[in-house]
Amino acid sequence: MGIRLPSILLNAKQILKTQALSTRNQSDVPKGHIAVYVGEIQKKRFVVPISYLKHPFFVDLLNRSEEEFGFRHPMGGLTIPCREDAFINLTARLHRS
């Protein structure tokens, strides 16, 4: 009785691919980006490049977030207390520069 190594490897590869796909669906934040929740009452999730985090306008938003929430963010992720339309406007300007 011999060991059928190729079939074992094929099954292992299929299992790993399935796990990778399910992990990818759970976390749809691409590398180099961060998810933030924005809104005054209703929070909406946005995914932005981490390069935005060092821009002075974005740093101001982060400081406001720290003042309001400290390190306990109600959505489980970084929550920014600002109107959604103002945030979209800011990220559009950051994207152009």
Protein backbone atom coordinates (compact mmCIF):
# COMPACT_ATOMS: atom_id res chain seq x y z
CA MET A 1 0.00 0.00 0.00
CA GLY A 2 1.53 3.29 -1.09
CA ILE A 3 0.94 6.83 0.02
CA ARG A 4 -0.87 8.96 -2.54
CA LEU A 5 0.97 12.20 -1.94
CA PRO A 6 -0.22 14.09 -5.03
CA SER A 7 -3.90 13.71 -4.06
CA ILE A 8 -3.16 14.83 -0.50
CA LEU A 9 -1.36 17.91 -1.80
CA LEU A 10 -4.20 18.69 -4.19
CA ASN A 11 -6.76 18.49 -1.36
CA ALA A 12 -4.58 20.69 0.88
CA LYS A 13 -4.28 23.30 -1.88
CA GLN A 14 -8.05 23.34 -2.36
CA ILE A 15 -8.63 23.77 1.39
CA LEU A 16 -6.12 26.65 1.54
CA LYS A 17 -7.75 28.37 -1.45
CA THR A 18 -11.18 28.07 0.17
CA GLN A 19 -9.87 29.50 3.45
CA ALA A 20 -8.14 32.36 1.62
CA LEU A 21 -11.34 33.27 -0.22
CA SER A 22 -13.42 33.28 2.96
CA THR A 23 -10.81 35.39 4.78
CA ARG A 24 -10.74 37.85 1.88
CA ASN A 25 -14.52 38.25 2.06
CA GLN A 26 -14.41 38.96 5.80
CA SER A 27 -11.84 41.72 5.45
CA ASP A 28 -12.30 43.73 2.29
CA VAL A 29 -9.73 46.36 3.24
CA PRO A 30 -6.88 46.24 0.74
CA LYS A 31 -3.29 46.42 1.86
CA GLY A 32 -2.22 50.02 2.46
CA HIS A 33 -5.73 51.15 3.40
CA ILE A 34 -7.75 51.60 6.57
CA ALA A 35 -11.48 51.40 7.23
CA VAL A 36 -13.06 54.35 9.03
CA TYR A 37 -16.62 55.03 10.12
CA VAL A 38 -17.92 58.51 9.42
CA GLY A 39 -21.10 60.32 10.34
CA GLU A 40 -22.72 62.25 13.10
CA ILE A 41 -25.69 59.97 13.77
CA GLN A 42 -25.71 57.23 11.14
CA LYS A 43 -22.16 55.89 10.60
CA LYS A 44 -21.00 54.88 7.13
CA ARG A 45 -17.89 52.84 6.44
CA PHE A 46 -15.19 54.21 4.13
CA VAL A 47 -11.88 52.68 3.09
CA VAL A 48 -9.10 55.24 2.63
CA PRO A 49 -5.37 54.98 1.88
CA ILE A 50 -3.15 55.13 4.96
CA SER A 51 -1.21 57.95 3.30
CA TYR A 52 -4.16 60.22 4.22
CA LEU A 53 -3.37 59.72 7.92
CA LYS A 54 -0.43 62.11 7.80
CA HIS A 55 -2.20 64.94 5.96
CA PRO A 56 -2.88 67.94 8.29
CA PHE A 57 -6.63 68.01 7.53
CA PHE A 58 -6.97 64.31 8.29
CA VAL A 59 -4.83 64.67 11.43
CA ASP A 60 -7.31 67.30 12.61
CA LEU A 61 -10.15 64.79 12.15
CA LEU A 62 -8.16 62.17 14.07
CA ASN A 63 -7.59 64.63 16.93
CA ARG A 64 -11.34 65.37 17.04
CA SER A 65 -11.99 61.63 17.07
CA GLU A 66 -9.58 61.16 19.98
CA GLU A 67 -11.27 63.97 21.94
CA GLU A 68 -14.73 62.50 21.41
CA PHE A 69 -14.08 58.75 21.62
CA GLY A 70 -10.63 58.30 23.14
CA PHE A 71 -9.61 54.77 22.28
CA ARG A 72 -13.10 53.29 22.57
CA HIS A 73 -14.73 53.52 19.20
CA PRO A 74 -18.38 52.43 19.16
CA MET A 75 -18.22 50.83 15.71
CA GLY A 76 -15.23 48.64 16.58
CA GLY A 77 -13.05 50.58 14.16
CA LEU A 78 -11.80 54.12 13.83
CA THR A 79 -14.82 56.42 14.09
CA ILE A 80 -14.57 59.99 12.83
CA PRO A 81 -17.13 62.50 14.12
CA CYS A 82 -17.84 64.56 11.04
CA ARG A 83 -20.59 64.92 8.47
CA GLU A 84 -20.42 62.37 5.69
CA ASP A 85 -20.51 65.00 2.93
CA ALA A 86 -17.64 66.94 4.55
CA PHE A 87 -15.57 63.74 4.75
CA ILE A 88 -16.24 62.91 1.10
CA ASN A 89 -15.25 66.45 0.15
CA LEU A 90 -12.01 66.18 2.14
CA THR A 91 -11.03 62.79 0.71
CA ALA A 92 -11.75 64.04 -2.82
CA ARG A 93 -9.35 66.95 -2.25
CA LEU A 94 -6.72 64.62 -0.76
CA HIS A 95 -7.07 62.26 -3.71
CA ARG A 96 -6.43 65.08 -6.20
CA SER A 97 -3.30 66.26 -4.41
